[in-house]
PDB file of N, CA and C in Angstrom:
ATOM      1  N   MET A   1      -2.638   5.790  18.530  1.00  0.00           N
ATOM      2  CA  MET A   1      -2.169   4.972  17.390  1.00  0.00           C
ATOM      3  C   MET A   1      -2.087   3.540  17.795  1.00  0.00           C
ATOM      4  N   GLN A   2      -2.742   2.718  17.025  1.00  0.00           N
ATOM      5  CA  GLN A   2      -2.784   1.236  17.340  1.00  0.00           C
ATOM      6  C   GLN A   2      -1.596   0.569  16.652  1.00  0.00           C
ATOM      7  N   PRO A   3      -1.073  -0.535  17.243  1.00  0.00           N
ATOM      8  CA  PRO A   3      -0.009  -1.265  16.574  1.00  0.00           C
ATOM      9  C   PRO A   3      -0.465  -1.690  15.165  1.00  0.00           C
ATOM     10  N   GLY A   4       0.410  -1.566  14.218  1.00  0.00           N
ATOM     11  CA  GLY A   4       0.149  -1.966  12.847  1.00  0.00           C
ATOM     12  C   GLY A   4      -0.618  -0.914  12.037  1.00  0.00           C
ATOM     13  N   GLN A   5      -0.989   0.176  12.700  1.00  0.00           N
ATOM     14  CA  GLN A   5      -1.727   1.213  12.055  1.00  0.00           C
ATOM     15  C   GLN A   5      -0.821   2.051  11.154  1.00  0.00           C
ATOM     16  N   ASP A   6      -1.357   2.390   9.996  1.00  0.00           N
ATOM     17  CA  ASP A   6      -0.614   3.191   9.004  1.00  0.00           C
ATOM     18  C   ASP A   6      -0.806   4.653   9.286  1.00  0.00           C
ATOM     19  N   LEU A   7       0.251   5.422   9.164  1.00  0.00           N
ATOM     20  CA  LEU A   7       0.210   6.887   9.346  1.00  0.00           C
ATOM     21  C   LEU A   7      -0.001   7.580   8.027  1.00  0.00           C
ATOM     22  N   CYS A   8       0.427   7.038   6.953  1.00  0.00           N
ATOM     23  CA  CYS A   8       0.366   7.779   5.677  1.00  0.00           C
ATOM     24  C   CYS A   8      -0.258   6.879   4.650  1.00  0.00           C
ATOM     25  N   GLY A   9      -1.173   7.421   3.896  1.00  0.00           N
ATOM     26  CA  GLY A   9      -1.801   6.679   2.808  1.00  0.00           C
ATOM     27  C   GLY A   9      -1.458   7.329   1.476  1.00  0.00           C
ATOM     28  N   GLY A  10      -0.366   8.069   1.392  1.00  0.00           N
ATOM     29  CA  GLY A  10      -0.033   8.847   0.217  1.00  0.00           C
ATOM     30  C   GLY A  10       0.022   8.006  -1.023  1.00  0.00           C
ATOM     31  N   VAL A  11      -0.474   8.541  -2.135  1.00  0.00           N
ATOM     32  CA  VAL A  11      -0.488   7.892  -3.432  1.00  0.00           C
ATOM     33  C   VAL A  11      -1.076   6.527  -3.388  1.00  0.00           C
ATOM     34  N   GLY A  12      -2.086   6.277  -2.563  1.00  0.00           N
ATOM     35  CA  GLY A  12      -2.689   4.969  -2.449  1.00  0.00           C
ATOM     36  C   GLY A  12      -1.756   3.949  -1.808  1.00  0.00           C
ATOM     37  N   ARG A  13      -0.704   4.382  -1.195  1.00  0.00           N
ATOM     38  CA  ARG A  13       0.268   3.410  -0.589  1.00  0.00           C
ATOM     39  C   ARG A  13       0.482   3.856   0.876  1.00  0.00           C
ATOM     40  N   ARG A  14       0.984   2.930   1.621  1.00  0.00           N
ATOM     41  CA  ARG A  14       1.287   3.190   3.019  1.00  0.00           C
ATOM     42  C   ARG A  14       2.762   3.456   3.108  1.00  0.00           C
ATOM     43  N   LEU A  15       3.145   4.697   3.380  1.00  0.00           N
ATOM     44  CA  LEU A  15       4.551   5.084   3.425  1.00  0.00           C
ATOM     45  C   LEU A  15       5.176   5.008   4.781  1.00  0.00           C
ATOM     46  N   ILE A  16       4.357   5.235   5.817  1.00  0.00           N
ATOM     47  CA  ILE A  16       4.848   5.180   7.200  1.00  0.00           C
ATOM     48  C   ILE A  16       4.026   4.185   7.958  1.00  0.00           C
ATOM     49  N   GLU A  17       4.654   3.257   8.661  1.00  0.00           N
ATOM     50  CA  GLU A  17       3.885   2.286   9.389  1.00  0.00           C
ATOM     51  C   GLU A  17       4.332   2.264  10.831  1.00  0.00           C
ATOM     52  N   MET A  18       3.335   1.921  11.665  1.00  0.00           N
ATOM     53  CA  MET A  18       3.591   1.702  13.090  1.00  0.00           C
ATOM     54  C   MET A  18       3.670   0.169  13.336  1.00  0.00           C
ATOM     55  N   GLY A  19       4.680  -0.190  14.071  1.00  0.00           N
ATOM     56  CA  GLY A  19       4.805  -1.631  14.411  1.00  0.00           C
ATOM     57  C   GLY A  19       4.105  -1.870  15.729  1.00  0.00           C
ATOM     58  N   GLU A  20       4.766  -2.449  16.615  1.00  0.00           N
ATOM     59  CA  GLU A  20       4.239  -2.743  17.969  1.00  0.00           C
ATOM     60  C   GLU A  20       4.048  -1.444  18.719  1.00  0.00           C
ATOM     61  N   ALA A  21       3.291  -1.509  19.792  1.00  0.00           N
ATOM     62  CA  ALA A  21       2.981  -0.355  20.614  1.00  0.00           C
ATOM     63  C   ALA A  21       4.156   0.429  21.084  1.00  0.00           C
ATOM     64  N   ASP A  22       5.237  -0.267  21.375  1.00  0.00           N
ATOM     65  CA  ASP A  22       6.465   0.448  21.939  1.00  0.00           C
ATOM     66  C   ASP A  22       7.451   0.766  20.881  1.00  0.00           C
ATOM     67  N   SER A  23       7.144   0.639  19.566  1.00  0.00           N
ATOM     68  CA  SER A  23       8.084   0.931  18.501  1.00  0.00           C
ATOM     69  C   SER A  23       7.870   2.344  17.941  1.00  0.00           C
ATOM     70  N   VAL A  24       8.770   2.772  17.138  1.00  0.00           N
ATOM     71  CA  VAL A  24       8.653   4.062  16.469  1.00  0.00           C
ATOM     72  C   VAL A  24       8.144   3.856  15.041  1.00  0.00           C
ATOM     73  N   PRO A  25       7.582   4.914  14.424  1.00  0.00           N
ATOM     74  CA  PRO A  25       7.115   4.767  12.996  1.00  0.00           C
ATOM     75  C   PRO A  25       8.344   4.514  12.122  1.00  0.00           C
ATOM     76  N   THR A  26       8.118   3.745  11.080  1.00  0.00           N
ATOM     77  CA  THR A  26       9.161   3.383  10.157  1.00  0.00           C
ATOM     78  C   THR A  26       8.705   3.655   8.694  1.00  0.00           C
ATOM     79  N   LEU A  27       9.614   4.002   7.874  1.00  0.00           N
ATOM     80  CA  LEU A  27       9.283   4.265   6.447  1.00  0.00           C
ATOM     81  C   LEU A  27       9.378   2.943   5.703  1.00  0.00           C
ATOM     82  N   ILE A  28       8.539   2.713   4.753  1.00  0.00           N
ATOM     83  CA  ILE A  28       8.662   1.566   3.873  1.00  0.00           C
ATOM     84  C   ILE A  28       9.774   1.822   2.887  1.00  0.00           C
ATOM     85  N   ALA A  29      10.227   0.766   2.224  1.00  0.00           N
ATOM     86  CA  ALA A  29      11.274   0.911   1.187  1.00  0.00           C
ATOM     87  C   ALA A  29      10.762   1.889   0.107  1.00  0.00           C
ATOM     88  N   ASP A  30      11.620   2.751  -0.359  1.00  0.00           N
ATOM     89  CA  ASP A  30      11.260   3.728  -1.430  1.00  0.00           C
ATOM     90  C   ASP A  30      10.308   4.787  -0.959  1.00  0.00           C
ATOM     91  N   ALA A  31      10.061   4.953   0.303  1.00  0.00           N
ATOM     92  CA  ALA A  31       9.068   5.956   0.754  1.00  0.00           C
ATOM     93  C   ALA A  31       9.468   7.336   0.314  1.00  0.00           C
ATOM     94  N   GLU A  32      10.680   7.690   0.393  1.00  0.00           N
ATOM     95  CA  GLU A  32      11.072   9.060  -0.021  1.00  0.00           C
ATOM     96  C   GLU A  32      10.783   9.325  -1.479  1.00  0.00           C
ATOM     97  N   GLU A  33      10.903   8.312  -2.308  1.00  0.00           N
ATOM     98  CA  GLU A  33      10.705   8.495  -3.766  1.00  0.00           C
ATOM     99  C   GLU A  33       9.159   8.567  -4.020  1.00  0.00           C
ATOM    100  N   LEU A  34       8.377   7.961  -3.204  1.00  0.00           N
ATOM    101  CA  LEU A  34       6.913   7.828  -3.395  1.00  0.00           C
ATOM    102  C   LEU A  34       6.167   9.042  -2.752  1.00  0.00           C
ATOM    103  N   CYS A  35       6.776   9.656  -1.815  1.00  0.00           N
ATOM    104  CA  CYS A  35       6.105  10.771  -1.057  1.00  0.00           C
ATOM    105  C   CYS A  35       5.755  11.891  -2.020  1.00  0.00           C
ATOM    106  N   VAL A  36       4.510  12.384  -1.897  1.00  0.00           N
ATOM    107  CA  VAL A  36       4.092  13.485  -2.711  1.00  0.00           C
ATOM    108  C   VAL A  36       4.056  14.822  -1.927  1.00  0.00           C
ATOM    109  N   ASN A  37       4.634  14.839  -0.741  1.00  0.00           N
ATOM    110  CA  ASN A  37       4.712  16.010   0.104  1.00  0.00           C
ATOM    111  C   ASN A  37       3.342  16.629   0.407  1.00  0.00           C
ATOM    112  N   CYS A  38       2.340  15.747   0.654  1.00  0.00           N
ATOM    113  CA  CYS A  38       0.995  16.241   0.960  1.00  0.00           C
ATOM    114  C   CYS A  38       0.911  16.835   2.411  1.00  0.00           C
ATOM    115  N   GLY A  39       1.858  16.402   3.261  1.00  0.00           N
ATOM    116  CA  GLY A  39       1.814  16.913   4.636  1.00  0.00           C
ATOM    117  C   GLY A  39       0.919  16.272   5.624  1.00  0.00           C
ATOM    118  N   HIS A  40       0.206  15.216   5.170  1.00  0.00           N
ATOM    119  CA  HIS A  40      -0.748  14.548   6.054  1.00  0.00           C
ATOM    120  C   HIS A  40      -0.054  13.984   7.285  1.00  0.00           C
ATOM    121  N   CYS A  41       1.078  13.428   7.117  1.00  0.00           N
ATOM    122  CA  CYS A  41       1.806  12.849   8.269  1.00  0.00           C
ATOM    123  C   CYS A  41       2.222  13.905   9.260  1.00  0.00           C
ATOM    124  N   VAL A  42       2.633  15.054   8.734  1.00  0.00           N
ATOM    125  CA  VAL A  42       3.058  16.198   9.618  1.00  0.00           C
ATOM    126  C   VAL A  42       1.845  16.694  10.379  1.00  0.00           C
ATOM    127  N   ALA A  43       0.693  16.843   9.679  1.00  0.00           N
ATOM    128  CA  ALA A  43      -0.507  17.382  10.276  1.00  0.00           C
ATOM    129  C   ALA A  43      -1.105  16.499  11.328  1.00  0.00           C
ATOM    130  N   VAL A  44      -1.036  15.202  11.208  1.00  0.00           N
ATOM    131  CA  VAL A  44      -1.679  14.325  12.148  1.00  0.00           C
ATOM    132  C   VAL A  44      -0.748  13.764  13.242  1.00  0.00           C
ATOM    133  N   CYS A  45       0.512  14.019  13.163  1.00  0.00           N
ATOM    134  CA  CYS A  45       1.424  13.481  14.200  1.00  0.00           C
ATOM    135  C   CYS A  45       1.116  14.109  15.512  1.00  0.00           C
ATOM    136  N   PRO A  46       0.755  13.327  16.474  1.00  0.00           N
ATOM    137  CA  PRO A  46       0.327  13.859  17.783  1.00  0.00           C
ATOM    138  C   PRO A  46       1.437  14.449  18.598  1.00  0.00           C
ATOM    139  N   SER A  47       2.720  14.209  18.329  1.00  0.00           N
ATOM    140  CA  SER A  47       3.772  14.754  19.050  1.00  0.00           C
ATOM    141  C   SER A  47       4.542  15.773  18.308  1.00  0.00           C
ATOM    142  N   GLY A  48       4.216  16.025  17.044  1.00  0.00           N
ATOM    143  CA  GLY A  48       4.951  17.035  16.262  1.00  0.00           C
ATOM    144  C   GLY A  48       6.315  16.560  15.871  1.00  0.00           C
ATOM    145  N   ALA A  49       6.528  15.232  15.834  1.00  0.00           N
ATOM    146  CA  ALA A  49       7.856  14.727  15.576  1.00  0.00           C
ATOM    147  C   ALA A  49       8.181  14.547  14.079  1.00  0.00           C
ATOM    148  N   LEU A  50       7.176  14.649  13.244  1.00  0.00           N
ATOM    149  CA  LEU A  50       7.434  14.514  11.806  1.00  0.00           C
ATOM    150  C   LEU A  50       7.444  15.849  11.108  1.00  0.00           C
ATOM    151  N   ALA A  51       8.330  15.911  10.126  1.00  0.00           N
ATOM    152  CA  ALA A  51       8.403  17.127   9.310  1.00  0.00           C
ATOM    153  C   ALA A  51       8.839  16.805   7.902  1.00  0.00           C
ATOM    154  N   LEU A  52       8.514  17.611   6.970  1.00  0.00           N
ATOM    155  CA  LEU A  52       9.015  17.467   5.586  1.00  0.00           C
ATOM    156  C   LEU A  52       9.930  18.630   5.296  1.00  0.00           C
ATOM    157  N   ARG A  53      10.749  18.521   4.293  1.00  0.00           N
ATOM    158  CA  ARG A  53      11.605  19.636   3.887  1.00  0.00           C
ATOM    159  C   ARG A  53      10.740  20.837   3.499  1.00  0.00           C
ATOM    160  N   THR A  54       9.505  20.586   3.015  1.00  0.00           N
ATOM    161  CA  THR A  54       8.604  21.644   2.546  1.00  0.00           C
ATOM    162  C   THR A  54       7.572  22.088   3.631  1.00  0.00           C
ATOM    163  N   MET A  55       7.542  21.372   4.770  1.00  0.00           N
ATOM    164  CA  MET A  55       6.487  21.688   5.772  1.00  0.00           C
ATOM    165  C   MET A  55       6.994  21.272   7.184  1.00  0.00           C
ATOM    166  N   ARG A  56       6.905  22.228   8.092  1.00  0.00           N
ATOM    167  CA  ARG A  56       7.182  21.964   9.476  1.00  0.00           C
ATOM    168  C   ARG A  56       5.827  21.803  10.256  1.00  0.00           C
ATOM    169  N   PRO A  57       5.868  21.180  11.448  1.00  0.00           N
ATOM    170  CA  PRO A  57       4.614  21.083  12.206  1.00  0.00           C
ATOM    171  C   PRO A  57       3.939  22.413  12.431  1.00  0.00           C
ATOM    172  N   GLU A  58       4.689  23.462  12.751  1.00  0.00           N
ATOM    173  CA  GLU A  58       4.110  24.722  13.034  1.00  0.00           C
ATOM    174  C   GLU A  58       3.529  25.423  11.769  1.00  0.00           C
ATOM    175  N   ASP A  59       3.795  24.890  10.564  1.00  0.00           N
ATOM    176  CA  ASP A  59       3.250  25.424   9.350  1.00  0.00           C
ATOM    177  C   ASP A  59       1.839  24.831   9.034  1.00  0.00           C
ATOM    178  N   CYS A  60       1.500  23.836   9.755  1.00  0.00           N
ATOM    179  CA  CYS A  60       0.221  23.146   9.517  1.00  0.00           C
ATOM    180  C   CYS A  60      -0.911  23.885  10.143  1.00  0.00           C
ATOM    181  N   PRO A  61      -2.087  23.941   9.476  1.00  0.00           N
ATOM    182  CA  PRO A  61      -3.218  24.619  10.104  1.00  0.00           C
ATOM    183  C   PRO A  61      -3.622  23.730  11.267  1.00  0.00           C
ATOM    184  N   GLU A  62      -4.207  24.425  12.286  1.00  0.00           N
ATOM    185  CA  GLU A  62      -4.667  23.685  13.495  1.00  0.00           C
ATOM    186  C   GLU A  62      -5.826  22.800  13.159  1.00  0.00           C
ATOM    187  N   ILE A  63      -5.822  21.581  13.689  1.00  0.00           N
ATOM    188  CA  ILE A  63      -6.935  20.624  13.447  1.00  0.00           C
ATOM    189  C   ILE A  63      -8.195  21.117  14.197  1.00  0.00           C
ATOM    190  N   LYS A  64      -9.298  21.186  13.483  1.00  0.00           N
ATOM    191  CA  LYS A  64     -10.552  21.658  14.082  1.00  0.00           C
ATOM    192  C   LYS A  64     -11.185  20.440  14.770  1.00  0.00           C
ATOM    193  N   LYS A  65     -11.112  20.398  16.058  1.00  0.00           N
ATOM    194  CA  LYS A  65     -11.607  19.247  16.831  1.00  0.00           C
ATOM    195  C   LYS A  65     -13.048  18.934  16.509  1.00  0.00           C
ATOM    196  N   GLU A  66     -13.901  19.981  16.218  1.00  0.00           N
ATOM    197  CA  GLU A  66     -15.280  19.770  15.983  1.00  0.00           C
ATOM    198  C   GLU A  66     -15.541  19.005  14.645  1.00  0.00           C
ATOM    199  N   LEU A  67     -14.502  18.926  13.791  1.00  0.00           N
ATOM    200  CA  LEU A  67     -14.660  18.213  12.577  1.00  0.00           C
ATOM    201  C   LEU A  67     -14.129  16.772  12.601  1.00  0.00           C
ATOM    202  N   LEU A  68     -13.560  16.359  13.714  1.00  0.00           N
ATOM    203  CA  LEU A  68     -13.080  14.979  13.898  1.00  0.00           C
ATOM    204  C   LEU A  68     -14.278  14.032  13.868  1.00  0.00           C
ATOM    205  N   ILE A  69     -14.091  12.902  13.223  1.00  0.00           N
ATOM    206  CA  ILE A  69     -15.123  11.854  13.235  1.00  0.00           C
ATOM    207  C   ILE A  69     -14.836  10.775  14.232  1.00  0.00           C
ATOM    208  N   ASP A  70     -15.872  10.075  14.629  1.00  0.00           N
ATOM    209  CA  ASP A  70     -15.699   8.970  15.589  1.00  0.00           C
ATOM    210  C   ASP A  70     -15.427   7.630  14.778  1.00  0.00           C
ATOM    211  N   LEU A  71     -15.146   6.577  15.519  1.00  0.00           N
ATOM    212  CA  LEU A  71     -14.882   5.279  14.891  1.00  0.00           C
ATOM    213  C   LEU A  71     -15.977   4.816  14.022  1.00  0.00           C
ATOM    214  N   GLU A  72     -17.196   4.923  14.480  1.00  0.00           N
ATOM    215  CA  GLU A  72     -18.330   4.445  13.633  1.00  0.00           C
ATOM    216  C   GLU A  72     -18.411   5.204  12.311  1.00  0.00           C
ATOM    217  N   GLN A  73     -18.214   6.562  12.351  1.00  0.00           N
ATOM    218  CA  GLN A  73     -18.250   7.318  11.146  1.00  0.00           C
ATOM    219  C   GLN A  73     -17.106   6.931  10.199  1.00  0.00           C
ATOM    220  N   ALA A  74     -15.931   6.668  10.787  1.00  0.00           N
ATOM    221  CA  ALA A  74     -14.765   6.274   9.988  1.00  0.00           C
ATOM    222  C   ALA A  74     -14.993   4.946   9.293  1.00  0.00           C
ATOM    223  N   GLU A  75     -15.641   4.026  10.009  1.00  0.00           N
ATOM    224  CA  GLU A  75     -15.941   2.710   9.419  1.00  0.00           C
ATOM    225  C   GLU A  75     -16.993   2.849   8.356  1.00  0.00           C
ATOM    226  N   THR A  76     -17.911   3.714   8.475  1.00  0.00           N
ATOM    227  CA  THR A  76     -18.941   3.966   7.464  1.00  0.00           C
ATOM    228  C   THR A  76     -18.268   4.521   6.221  1.00  0.00           C
ATOM    229  N   VAL A  77     -17.388   5.479   6.331  1.00  0.00           N
ATOM    230  CA  VAL A  77     -16.725   6.050   5.180  1.00  0.00           C
ATOM    231  C   VAL A  77     -15.913   4.985   4.519  1.00  0.00           C
ATOM    232  N   SER A  78     -15.190   4.166   5.291  1.00  0.00           N
ATOM    233  CA  SER A  78     -14.357   3.098   4.737  1.00  0.00           C
ATOM    234  C   SER A  78     -15.165   2.103   3.992  1.00  0.00           C
ATOM    235  N   SER A  79     -16.349   1.747   4.520  1.00  0.00           N
ATOM    236  CA  SER A  79     -17.237   0.811   3.819  1.00  0.00           C
ATOM    237  C   SER A  79     -17.759   1.361   2.478  1.00  0.00           C
ATOM    238  N   ILE A  80     -18.071   2.659   2.510  1.00  0.00           N
ATOM    239  CA  ILE A  80     -18.526   3.301   1.234  1.00  0.00           C
ATOM    240  C   ILE A  80     -17.455   3.304   0.206  1.00  0.00           C
ATOM    241  N   LYS A  81     -16.202   3.672   0.660  1.00  0.00           N
ATOM    242  CA  LYS A  81     -15.109   3.719  -0.298  1.00  0.00           C
ATOM    243  C   LYS A  81     -14.788   2.353  -0.881  1.00  0.00           C
ATOM    244  N   THR A  82     -14.890   1.293  -0.011  1.00  0.00           N
ATOM    245  CA  THR A  82     -14.668  -0.080  -0.513  1.00  0.00           C
ATOM    246  C   THR A  82     -15.737  -0.467  -1.522  1.00  0.00           C
ATOM    247  N   LEU A  83     -17.046  -0.182  -1.180  1.00  0.00           N
ATOM    248  CA  LEU A  83     -18.105  -0.498  -2.089  1.00  0.00           C
ATOM    249  C   LEU A  83     -17.937   0.225  -3.447  1.00  0.00           C
ATOM    250  N   HIS A  84     -17.582   1.506  -3.364  1.00  0.00           N
ATOM    251  CA  HIS A  84     -17.391   2.362  -4.536  1.00  0.00           C
ATOM    252  C   HIS A  84     -16.270   1.719  -5.484  1.00  0.00           C
ATOM    253  N   SER A  85     -15.183   1.285  -4.849  1.00  0.00           N
ATOM    254  CA  SER A  85     -14.064   0.763  -5.661  1.00  0.00           C
ATOM    255  C   SER A  85     -14.489  -0.573  -6.248  1.00  0.00           C
ATOM    256  N   LYS A  86     -15.301  -1.336  -5.585  1.00  0.00           N
ATOM    257  CA  LYS A  86     -15.775  -2.653  -6.126  1.00  0.00           C
ATOM    258  C   LYS A  86     -16.759  -2.412  -7.306  1.00  0.00           C
ATOM    259  N   LEU A  87     -17.562  -1.319  -7.229  1.00  0.00           N
ATOM    260  CA  LEU A  87     -18.549  -1.034  -8.282  1.00  0.00           C
ATOM    261  C   LEU A  87     -18.012  -0.213  -9.435  1.00  0.00           C
ATOM    262  N   GLN A  88     -16.858   0.357  -9.282  1.00  0.00           N
ATOM    263  CA  GLN A  88     -16.311   1.210 -10.274  1.00  0.00           C
ATOM    264  C   GLN A  88     -16.178   0.454 -11.618  1.00  0.00           C
ATOM    265  N   GLY A  89     -16.630   1.060 -12.652  1.00  0.00           N
ATOM    266  CA  GLY A  89     -16.521   0.454 -13.994  1.00  0.00           C
ATOM    267  C   GLY A  89     -17.683  -0.462 -14.320  1.00  0.00           C
ATOM    268  N   ARG A  90     -18.604  -0.726 -13.417  1.00  0.00           N
ATOM    269  CA  ARG A  90     -19.759  -1.530 -13.653  1.00  0.00           C
ATOM    270  C   ARG A  90     -20.894  -0.637 -14.185  1.00  0.00           C
ATOM    271  N   PRO A  91     -21.753  -1.116 -15.121  1.00  0.00           N
ATOM    272  CA  PRO A  91     -22.792  -0.299 -15.609  1.00  0.00           C
ATOM    273  C   PRO A  91     -23.791   0.005 -14.520  1.00  0.00           C
ATOM    274  N   CYS A  92     -24.383   1.196 -14.614  1.00  0.00           N
ATOM    275  CA  CYS A  92     -25.436   1.613 -13.675  1.00  0.00           C
ATOM    276  C   CYS A  92     -26.800   1.132 -14.113  1.00  0.00           C
ATOM    277  N   LEU A  93     -27.624   0.827 -13.155  1.00  0.00           N
ATOM    278  CA  LEU A  93     -29.028   0.407 -13.518  1.00  0.00           C
ATOM    279  C   LEU A  93     -29.910   1.640 -13.323  1.00  0.00           C
ATOM    280  N   ASN A  94     -30.772   1.887 -14.299  1.00  0.00           N
ATOM    281  CA  ASN A  94     -31.741   2.984 -14.149  1.00  0.00           C
ATOM    282  C   ASN A  94     -33.034   2.359 -13.790  1.00  0.00           C
ATOM    283  N   VAL A  95     -33.451   2.718 -12.621  1.00  0.00           N
ATOM    284  CA  VAL A  95     -34.730   2.176 -12.097  1.00  0.00           C
ATOM    285  C   VAL A  95     -35.777   3.324 -12.134  1.00  0.00           C
ATOM    286  N   THR A  96     -36.863   3.081 -12.808  1.00  0.00           N
ATOM    287  CA  THR A  96     -37.908   4.040 -12.885  1.00  0.00           C
ATOM    288  C   THR A  96     -39.195   3.439 -12.302  1.00  0.00           C
ATOM    289  N   SER A  97     -40.021   4.268 -11.710  1.00  0.00           N
ATOM    290  CA  SER A  97     -41.243   3.785 -11.161  1.00  0.00           C
ATOM    291  C   SER A  97     -42.437   3.977 -12.051  1.00  0.00           C
TER     292      SER A  97
END
């Protein structure tokens, strides 16, 4: 986990944030009210330190290592999502040959 990296993107918001490398994760203001109990934070916590009232670390399915993506793949997905959000609502062009 890199300093400043977000652990949770629930509801399009960052609910848990990492500060400096030697700090612990912190909740943003109103995080408990915004949490949708998706369990993403529980599933990805490398030390099993996070839990929800509705989900414990041992309740999470095991992460399939073969499905993990590398940094380049993650950046590609991020770029596509950014482009999609910029183009959303714009008319499509129909190109015929």
